[in-house]
Structures are given as C-alpha cells and as structure tokens.
Amino acid sequence: MKYIAATYAMLGLVDMIQTHIGLGRGHIEANPIMATVASNLAIMWAVKIAGICVVLFLMNRMWRYKDKRWFTVMVGVTVCVLQFAVVMSNYLVLIGG
C-alpha cells in the first residue's frame, strides 16, 4: 500500500507543478473547483496539498481494516489512475496537443 500512496503523492506533485507551469503560460485551470483559487498561487498549492493529504489519510485509515484491504488497494489504484489521467491531460495541454 505504501507504493500506491507514494505513487499518488508523486502524481499529485507532478499535477501541481504542471498546473503552475500552465498557468504561467496563460492556460486556464480546467477544474472548476480549483479555478476559483487559481488566481492565488499560495492558496492553490495549499488546497492541492490538502487534497492529497486527505486522500492519503483516508487510504491509511481504510488500511487498518484487515478484512477490507483488497478494497483499499482498489481505491488506491483507482485514485492513481485518475490522477495519472489528470497528469497526462496537463501534459497534452502543455505540449500543445
């Protein structure tokens, strides 16, 4: 589970960096929730970091139920796949694709 959590955290960090680069190049934040705070870089980073921490905290709490660990792994893989899709979408925007 620690590898899934680390993967999710790294993908979140890449998303934050890509978003910062994209906003600097004049792109807009596609996430409507994050778009409301995108004008203030410090708040945007704080919200993104808080979101990553909440997901990691919840995954850690779910891991404690030994009979449901398979579910925790499935949730972890799902959030990693979704975060990877966000990173790839950001990448395509940044390269102009």
Protein backbone atom coordinates (compact mmCIF):
# COMPACT_ATOMS: atom_id res chain seq x y z
CA MET A 1 0.00 0.00 0.00
CA LYS A 2 2.88 2.36 0.67
CA TYR A 3 3.88 2.20 -3.01
CA ILE A 4 0.37 3.11 -4.09
CA ALA A 5 0.32 6.02 -1.64
CA ALA A 6 3.75 7.19 -2.80
CA THR A 7 2.67 6.96 -6.44
CA TYR A 8 -0.44 9.01 -5.72
CA ALA A 9 1.56 11.65 -3.84
CA MET A 10 4.12 11.92 -6.67
CA LEU A 11 1.39 12.21 -9.30
CA GLY A 12 -0.21 14.94 -7.21
CA LEU A 13 3.10 16.78 -7.05
CA VAL A 14 3.55 16.49 -10.82
CA ASP A 15 -0.01 17.83 -11.28
CA MET A 16 0.80 20.81 -9.07
CA ILE A 17 3.98 21.60 -11.00
CA GLN A 18 2.27 21.20 -14.37
CA THR A 19 -0.60 23.43 -13.24
CA HIS A 20 1.86 26.08 -12.09
CA ILE A 21 3.66 25.96 -15.45
CA GLY A 22 0.40 26.02 -17.40
CA LEU A 23 -0.99 28.99 -15.51
CA GLY A 24 2.29 30.80 -16.07
CA ARG A 25 1.90 30.22 -19.80
CA GLY A 26 -1.59 31.67 -19.80
CA HIS A 27 -3.64 28.46 -19.70
CA ILE A 28 -6.73 28.25 -17.50
CA GLU A 29 -7.44 25.79 -14.70
CA ALA A 30 -9.89 23.22 -16.09
CA ASN A 31 -11.08 22.03 -12.67
CA PRO A 32 -13.94 24.38 -11.72
CA ILE A 33 -13.26 23.99 -8.00
CA MET A 34 -9.58 24.82 -8.35
CA ALA A 35 -10.31 27.62 -10.85
CA THR A 36 -11.80 29.67 -8.01
CA VAL A 37 -8.44 29.73 -6.19
CA ALA A 38 -6.10 29.59 -9.21
CA SER A 39 -5.51 33.34 -9.09
CA ASN A 40 -3.71 32.99 -5.74
CA LEU A 41 -0.78 30.61 -6.08
CA ALA A 42 -0.29 30.03 -2.33
CA ILE A 43 -3.94 29.14 -1.78
CA MET A 44 -3.99 26.90 -4.85
CA TRP A 45 -0.95 24.96 -3.64
CA ALA A 46 -2.41 24.71 -0.13
CA VAL A 47 -5.71 23.33 -1.47
CA LYS A 48 -3.95 20.81 -3.73
CA ILE A 49 -1.66 19.65 -0.93
CA ALA A 50 -4.60 19.39 1.45
CA GLY A 51 -6.49 17.29 -1.09
CA ILE A 52 -3.56 14.91 -1.47
CA CYS A 53 -3.20 14.65 2.31
CA VAL A 54 -6.90 13.90 2.79
CA VAL A 55 -6.81 11.07 0.25
CA LEU A 56 -3.64 9.61 1.82
CA PHE A 57 -5.16 9.90 5.30
CA LEU A 58 -8.34 8.12 4.22
CA MET A 59 -6.38 5.37 2.49
CA ASN A 60 -4.33 4.91 5.67
CA ARG A 61 -7.48 4.69 7.79
CA MET A 62 -9.06 2.16 5.42
CA TRP A 63 -5.90 0.01 5.51
CA ARG A 64 -6.49 -0.69 9.21
CA TYR A 65 -9.43 -2.96 8.37
CA LYS A 66 -7.52 -6.13 7.56
CA ASP A 67 -10.53 -7.91 6.06
CA LYS A 68 -11.11 -4.99 3.65
CA ARG A 69 -7.57 -4.37 2.46
CA TRP A 70 -8.43 -5.52 -1.05
CA PHE A 71 -10.92 -2.63 -1.18
CA THR A 72 -8.27 -0.16 -0.02
CA VAL A 73 -5.92 -1.35 -2.76
CA MET A 74 -8.67 -0.97 -5.36
CA VAL A 75 -9.44 2.57 -4.16
CA GLY A 76 -5.73 3.42 -4.17
CA VAL A 77 -5.22 2.12 -7.69
CA THR A 78 -8.34 3.96 -8.87
CA VAL A 79 -7.22 7.33 -7.48
CA CYS A 80 -3.76 6.76 -9.00
CA VAL A 81 -5.29 6.05 -12.41
CA LEU A 82 -7.48 9.14 -12.16
CA GLN A 83 -4.54 11.30 -11.07
CA PHE A 84 -2.47 9.87 -13.91
CA ALA A 85 -5.22 10.89 -16.35
CA VAL A 86 -5.03 14.43 -14.96
CA VAL A 87 -1.24 14.49 -15.35
CA MET A 88 -1.49 13.24 -18.93
CA SER A 89 -4.19 15.81 -19.74
CA ASN A 90 -1.95 18.54 -18.32
CA TYR A 91 0.96 17.22 -20.37
CA LEU A 92 -1.06 17.34 -23.59
CA VAL A 93 -2.11 20.91 -22.86
CA LEU A 94 1.47 21.93 -22.12
CA ILE A 95 2.86 20.46 -25.35
CA GLY A 96 0.03 21.97 -27.34
CA GLY A 97 -1.63 18.69 -28.26
